[in-house]
Amino acid sequence: MLEADRLECVRGERTLFRGLSFSVVPTQLLHLAGANGSGKTSLLRILCGLLSPAHGVVRWNGQPIASLREEYAAGLLYVGHANALKDELSALENLEIGGTLAGRRCTANVAQ
């Protein structure tokens, strides 16, 4: 389970979000939407461990991701908006391409 607990993100002098908490269990999807500059990419970077939150913690299966480091990163596939996503492909097809490029096999049920 992925869990965000009271996350806060500050970029420069601006607070993008604070007090953000949620959890995502296997088989669930998280749809992230918002205006430009609202912190969507920053949140994704925090969830991947690429950016530290100003406050709060991200947990994977109950453990803070900061303490899991390489173990957590090995199970991730981050496909950002600038990484050649194809509008004509489904989300799964785009993930399969990203996984293949990263040397990982992706299926509808599990990334291996």
N, C-alpha and C. Protein backbone atom coordinates (compact mmCIF):
# COMPACT_ATOMS: atom_id res chain seq x y z
N MET A 1 0.84 -1.18 0.00
CA MET A 1 0.00 0.00 0.00
C MET A 1 0.89 1.24 0.00
N LEU A 2 0.52 2.20 -0.81
CA LEU A 2 1.18 3.50 -0.84
C LEU A 2 0.37 4.46 0.01
N GLU A 3 1.05 5.14 0.91
CA GLU A 3 0.36 6.02 1.86
C GLU A 3 1.08 7.36 1.95
N ALA A 4 0.34 8.43 1.80
CA ALA A 4 0.84 9.79 2.01
C ALA A 4 0.21 10.31 3.29
N ASP A 5 1.04 10.81 4.18
CA ASP A 5 0.56 11.27 5.48
C ASP A 5 0.96 12.72 5.72
N ARG A 6 0.00 13.62 5.64
CA ARG A 6 0.16 15.06 5.92
C ARG A 6 1.30 15.69 5.13
N LEU A 7 1.33 15.39 3.82
CA LEU A 7 2.39 15.93 2.98
C LEU A 7 2.23 17.43 2.78
N GLU A 8 3.37 18.10 2.75
CA GLU A 8 3.42 19.52 2.42
C GLU A 8 4.54 19.71 1.42
N CYS A 9 4.28 20.54 0.41
CA CYS A 9 5.27 20.83 -0.61
C CYS A 9 5.41 22.34 -0.76
N VAL A 10 6.63 22.81 -0.60
CA VAL A 10 6.95 24.23 -0.76
C VAL A 10 7.98 24.34 -1.86
N ARG A 11 7.70 25.19 -2.84
CA ARG A 11 8.65 25.44 -3.93
C ARG A 11 8.97 26.93 -3.91
N GLY A 12 10.21 27.26 -3.60
CA GLY A 12 10.58 28.66 -3.44
C GLY A 12 9.86 29.23 -2.23
N GLU A 13 9.13 30.30 -2.44
CA GLU A 13 8.37 30.94 -1.37
C GLU A 13 6.91 30.49 -1.34
N ARG A 14 6.54 29.60 -2.24
CA ARG A 14 5.14 29.23 -2.44
C ARG A 14 4.83 27.83 -1.91
N THR A 15 3.78 27.72 -1.09
CA THR A 15 3.30 26.42 -0.64
C THR A 15 2.32 25.90 -1.68
N LEU A 16 2.66 24.76 -2.28
CA LEU A 16 1.80 24.18 -3.31
C LEU A 16 0.65 23.39 -2.71
N PHE A 17 0.94 22.64 -1.64
CA PHE A 17 -0.12 21.92 -0.91
C PHE A 17 0.40 21.61 0.48
N ARG A 18 -0.54 21.39 1.39
CA ARG A 18 -0.18 21.01 2.76
C ARG A 18 -1.30 20.16 3.34
N GLY A 19 -0.93 19.29 4.26
CA GLY A 19 -1.91 18.43 4.92
C GLY A 19 -2.52 17.38 4.01
N LEU A 20 -1.82 17.00 2.95
CA LEU A 20 -2.35 16.04 1.97
C LEU A 20 -2.12 14.62 2.46
N SER A 21 -3.21 13.89 2.63
CA SER A 21 -3.13 12.50 3.09
C SER A 21 -4.04 11.63 2.23
N PHE A 22 -3.55 10.45 1.89
CA PHE A 22 -4.35 9.47 1.15
C PHE A 22 -3.62 8.13 1.18
N SER A 23 -4.31 7.09 0.78
CA SER A 23 -3.67 5.79 0.61
C SER A 23 -4.23 5.14 -0.64
N VAL A 24 -3.38 4.34 -1.26
CA VAL A 24 -3.75 3.61 -2.47
C VAL A 24 -3.35 2.16 -2.25
N VAL A 25 -4.32 1.27 -2.32
CA VAL A 25 -4.07 -0.15 -2.12
C VAL A 25 -3.96 -0.84 -3.48
N PRO A 26 -3.37 -2.05 -3.51
CA PRO A 26 -3.28 -2.76 -4.78
C PRO A 26 -4.65 -2.84 -5.45
N THR A 27 -4.65 -2.74 -6.74
CA THR A 27 -5.81 -2.73 -7.64
C THR A 27 -6.48 -1.36 -7.73
N GLN A 28 -6.10 -0.40 -6.89
CA GLN A 28 -6.65 0.95 -6.99
C GLN A 28 -5.76 1.80 -7.87
N LEU A 29 -6.38 2.83 -8.45
CA LEU A 29 -5.65 3.82 -9.23
C LEU A 29 -5.82 5.17 -8.57
N LEU A 30 -4.85 6.03 -8.75
CA LEU A 30 -4.92 7.40 -8.25
C LEU A 30 -4.97 8.31 -9.45
N HIS A 31 -6.03 9.11 -9.57
CA HIS A 31 -6.16 10.09 -10.65
C HIS A 31 -5.78 11.44 -10.07
N LEU A 32 -4.76 12.02 -10.62
CA LEU A 32 -4.23 13.29 -10.13
C LEU A 32 -4.52 14.36 -11.18
N ALA A 33 -5.27 15.39 -10.79
CA ALA A 33 -5.64 16.46 -11.72
C ALA A 33 -5.56 17.79 -10.99
N GLY A 34 -5.32 18.85 -11.74
CA GLY A 34 -5.27 20.18 -11.16
C GLY A 34 -4.72 21.17 -12.16
N ALA A 35 -4.81 22.42 -11.80
CA ALA A 35 -4.34 23.50 -12.67
C ALA A 35 -2.81 23.48 -12.77
N ASN A 36 -2.30 24.10 -13.83
CA ASN A 36 -0.85 24.27 -13.97
C ASN A 36 -0.30 24.95 -12.73
N GLY A 37 0.82 24.42 -12.21
CA GLY A 37 1.46 25.02 -11.06
C GLY A 37 0.86 24.65 -9.72
N SER A 38 -0.10 23.72 -9.71
CA SER A 38 -0.76 23.36 -8.45
C SER A 38 0.00 22.30 -7.65
N GLY A 39 1.05 21.70 -8.25
CA GLY A 39 1.86 20.74 -7.50
C GLY A 39 1.72 19.30 -7.93
N LYS A 40 1.10 19.03 -9.06
CA LYS A 40 0.91 17.63 -9.50
C LYS A 40 2.24 16.92 -9.70
N THR A 41 3.12 17.52 -10.49
CA THR A 41 4.42 16.90 -10.75
C THR A 41 5.24 16.82 -9.48
N SER A 42 5.19 17.85 -8.65
CA SER A 42 5.92 17.82 -7.38
C SER A 42 5.42 16.67 -6.51
N LEU A 43 4.12 16.45 -6.46
CA LEU A 43 3.57 15.34 -5.68
C LEU A 43 4.08 14.01 -6.23
N LEU A 44 4.06 13.84 -7.54
CA LEU A 44 4.55 12.59 -8.12
C LEU A 44 6.03 12.39 -7.80
N ARG A 45 6.80 13.45 -7.85
CA ARG A 45 8.23 13.36 -7.52
C ARG A 45 8.43 13.00 -6.04
N ILE A 46 7.58 13.52 -5.16
CA ILE A 46 7.64 13.16 -3.74
C ILE A 46 7.28 11.69 -3.56
N LEU A 47 6.23 11.23 -4.23
CA LEU A 47 5.80 9.84 -4.11
C LEU A 47 6.86 8.87 -4.62
N CYS A 48 7.66 9.31 -5.59
CA CYS A 48 8.73 8.48 -6.14
C CYS A 48 10.02 8.58 -5.35
N GLY A 49 10.08 9.51 -4.40
CA GLY A 49 11.30 9.70 -3.62
C GLY A 49 12.33 10.57 -4.31
N LEU A 50 11.93 11.26 -5.37
CA LEU A 50 12.84 12.15 -6.10
C LEU A 50 12.89 13.54 -5.49
N LEU A 51 11.92 13.86 -4.65
CA LEU A 51 11.83 15.15 -3.99
C LEU A 51 11.36 14.90 -2.56
N SER A 52 11.97 15.58 -1.60
CA SER A 52 11.55 15.41 -0.20
C SER A 52 10.43 16.39 0.11
N PRO A 53 9.41 15.93 0.85
CA PRO A 53 8.35 16.86 1.25
C PRO A 53 8.86 17.82 2.31
N ALA A 54 8.28 19.01 2.37
CA ALA A 54 8.61 19.97 3.43
C ALA A 54 8.13 19.44 4.78
N HIS A 55 7.08 18.64 4.74
CA HIS A 55 6.52 18.05 5.96
C HIS A 55 5.79 16.78 5.53
N GLY A 56 5.65 15.85 6.44
CA GLY A 56 4.90 14.63 6.19
C GLY A 56 5.80 13.49 5.74
N VAL A 57 5.17 12.37 5.45
CA VAL A 57 5.91 11.16 5.11
C VAL A 57 5.13 10.35 4.07
N VAL A 58 5.89 9.68 3.21
CA VAL A 58 5.33 8.72 2.26
C VAL A 58 5.75 7.34 2.74
N ARG A 59 4.79 6.43 2.82
CA ARG A 59 5.07 5.06 3.27
C ARG A 59 4.70 4.06 2.17
N TRP A 60 5.50 3.02 2.10
CA TRP A 60 5.21 1.89 1.21
C TRP A 60 5.11 0.66 2.10
N ASN A 61 3.93 0.05 2.11
CA ASN A 61 3.68 -1.12 2.97
C ASN A 61 4.06 -0.84 4.43
N GLY A 62 3.73 0.37 4.88
CA GLY A 62 3.92 0.73 6.27
C GLY A 62 5.28 1.29 6.62
N GLN A 63 6.24 1.25 5.69
CA GLN A 63 7.59 1.72 5.95
C GLN A 63 7.84 3.05 5.23
N PRO A 64 8.46 4.02 5.89
CA PRO A 64 8.80 5.28 5.21
C PRO A 64 9.71 5.00 4.02
N ILE A 65 9.39 5.59 2.87
CA ILE A 65 10.20 5.31 1.67
C ILE A 65 11.64 5.80 1.84
N ALA A 66 11.85 6.81 2.67
CA ALA A 66 13.22 7.31 2.91
C ALA A 66 14.11 6.22 3.49
N SER A 67 13.53 5.29 4.24
CA SER A 67 14.33 4.22 4.84
C SER A 67 14.47 3.02 3.90
N LEU A 68 13.66 2.97 2.85
CA LEU A 68 13.70 1.83 1.92
C LEU A 68 14.64 2.08 0.74
N ARG A 69 14.86 3.29 0.37
CA ARG A 69 15.74 3.76 -0.70
C ARG A 69 15.75 2.86 -1.93
N GLU A 70 16.83 2.12 -2.18
CA GLU A 70 16.98 1.33 -3.40
C GLU A 70 15.90 0.26 -3.53
N GLU A 71 15.51 -0.32 -2.42
CA GLU A 71 14.47 -1.36 -2.45
C GLU A 71 13.16 -0.78 -3.00
N TYR A 72 12.81 0.42 -2.58
CA TYR A 72 11.60 1.08 -3.06
C TYR A 72 11.78 1.50 -4.51
N ALA A 73 12.89 2.10 -4.83
CA ALA A 73 13.14 2.59 -6.19
C ALA A 73 13.14 1.46 -7.22
N ALA A 74 13.59 0.28 -6.82
CA ALA A 74 13.65 -0.85 -7.74
C ALA A 74 12.27 -1.29 -8.21
N GLY A 75 11.24 -0.98 -7.43
CA GLY A 75 9.88 -1.38 -7.79
C GLY A 75 9.09 -0.30 -8.49
N LEU A 76 9.74 0.82 -8.85
CA LEU A 76 9.04 1.95 -9.47
C LEU A 76 9.27 2.02 -10.96
N LEU A 77 8.27 2.54 -11.64
CA LEU A 77 8.42 2.96 -13.02
C LEU A 77 7.73 4.30 -13.13
N TYR A 78 8.51 5.36 -13.24
CA TYR A 78 7.98 6.72 -13.33
C TYR A 78 8.05 7.17 -14.78
N VAL A 79 6.90 7.45 -15.37
CA VAL A 79 6.83 7.95 -16.73
C VAL A 79 6.26 9.36 -16.63
N GLY A 80 7.12 10.36 -16.76
CA GLY A 80 6.69 11.74 -16.65
C GLY A 80 6.04 12.23 -17.94
N HIS A 81 5.44 13.40 -17.86
CA HIS A 81 4.70 13.95 -18.99
C HIS A 81 5.58 14.27 -20.18
N ALA A 82 6.85 14.45 -19.99
CA ALA A 82 7.73 14.82 -21.10
C ALA A 82 8.44 13.61 -21.70
N ASN A 83 8.07 12.41 -21.32
CA ASN A 83 8.76 11.22 -21.77
C ASN A 83 8.05 10.50 -22.90
N ALA A 84 7.60 11.24 -23.89
CA ALA A 84 7.06 10.69 -25.13
C ALA A 84 5.84 9.80 -24.93
N LEU A 85 4.91 10.18 -24.08
CA LEU A 85 3.66 9.45 -23.98
C LEU A 85 2.87 9.66 -25.26
N LYS A 86 2.23 8.63 -25.72
CA LYS A 86 1.48 8.68 -26.96
C LYS A 86 -0.01 8.73 -26.67
N ASP A 87 -0.68 9.80 -27.10
CA ASP A 87 -2.11 9.97 -26.85
C ASP A 87 -2.95 8.86 -27.45
N GLU A 88 -2.49 8.28 -28.56
CA GLU A 88 -3.27 7.25 -29.25
C GLU A 88 -3.18 5.88 -28.58
N LEU A 89 -2.27 5.75 -27.59
CA LEU A 89 -2.13 4.50 -26.85
C LEU A 89 -2.86 4.58 -25.51
N SER A 90 -3.24 3.42 -25.00
CA SER A 90 -3.87 3.37 -23.67
C SER A 90 -2.80 3.61 -22.61
N ALA A 91 -3.26 3.84 -21.38
CA ALA A 91 -2.32 4.02 -20.27
C ALA A 91 -1.45 2.77 -20.11
N LEU A 92 -2.06 1.59 -20.21
CA LEU A 92 -1.30 0.35 -20.08
C LEU A 92 -0.26 0.23 -21.20
N GLU A 93 -0.65 0.55 -22.42
CA GLU A 93 0.30 0.47 -23.53
C GLU A 93 1.48 1.42 -23.33
N ASN A 94 1.21 2.63 -22.84
CA ASN A 94 2.28 3.57 -22.55
C ASN A 94 3.19 3.04 -21.45
N LEU A 95 2.61 2.42 -20.41
CA LEU A 95 3.41 1.84 -19.33
C LEU A 95 4.24 0.66 -19.82
N GLU A 96 3.66 -0.15 -20.71
CA GLU A 96 4.40 -1.29 -21.26
C GLU A 96 5.64 -0.81 -22.02
N ILE A 97 5.49 0.26 -22.79
CA ILE A 97 6.63 0.82 -23.52
C ILE A 97 7.68 1.34 -22.54
N GLY A 98 7.24 2.11 -21.54
CA GLY A 98 8.16 2.62 -20.54
C GLY A 98 8.87 1.51 -19.79
N GLY A 99 8.13 0.47 -19.45
CA GLY A 99 8.71 -0.68 -18.76
C GLY A 99 9.74 -1.40 -19.62
N THR A 100 9.41 -1.58 -20.88
CA THR A 100 10.35 -2.23 -21.79
C THR A 100 11.64 -1.43 -21.90
N LEU A 101 11.52 -0.11 -22.03
CA LEU A 101 12.70 0.74 -22.11
C LEU A 101 13.53 0.68 -20.83
N ALA A 102 12.87 0.42 -19.69
CA ALA A 102 13.57 0.32 -18.40
C ALA A 102 14.02 -1.11 -18.11
N GLY A 103 13.79 -2.04 -19.06
CA GLY A 103 14.19 -3.42 -18.85
C GLY A 103 13.28 -4.20 -17.95
N ARG A 104 12.01 -3.78 -17.86
CA ARG A 104 11.03 -4.46 -17.00
C ARG A 104 9.86 -4.91 -17.85
N ARG A 105 9.28 -6.04 -17.51
CA ARG A 105 8.11 -6.53 -18.22
C ARG A 105 6.87 -6.10 -17.45
N CYS A 106 5.92 -5.47 -18.13
CA CYS A 106 4.68 -5.00 -17.51
C CYS A 106 3.50 -5.75 -18.13
N THR A 107 2.56 -6.13 -17.28
CA THR A 107 1.32 -6.73 -17.75
C THR A 107 0.16 -5.96 -17.10
N ALA A 108 -1.03 -6.32 -17.47
CA ALA A 108 -2.21 -5.65 -16.92
C ALA A 108 -2.31 -5.84 -15.40
N ASN A 109 -1.71 -6.88 -14.87
CA ASN A 109 -1.85 -7.19 -13.46
C ASN A 109 -0.66 -6.83 -12.60
N VAL A 110 0.54 -6.85 -13.17
CA VAL A 110 1.72 -6.68 -12.33
C VAL A 110 2.93 -6.26 -13.17
N ALA A 111 3.77 -5.44 -12.57
CA ALA A 111 5.07 -5.13 -13.18
C ALA A 111 6.09 -6.11 -12.61
N GLN A 112 6.88 -6.70 -13.47
CA GLN A 112 7.85 -7.72 -13.03
C GLN A 112 9.26 -7.25 -13.27
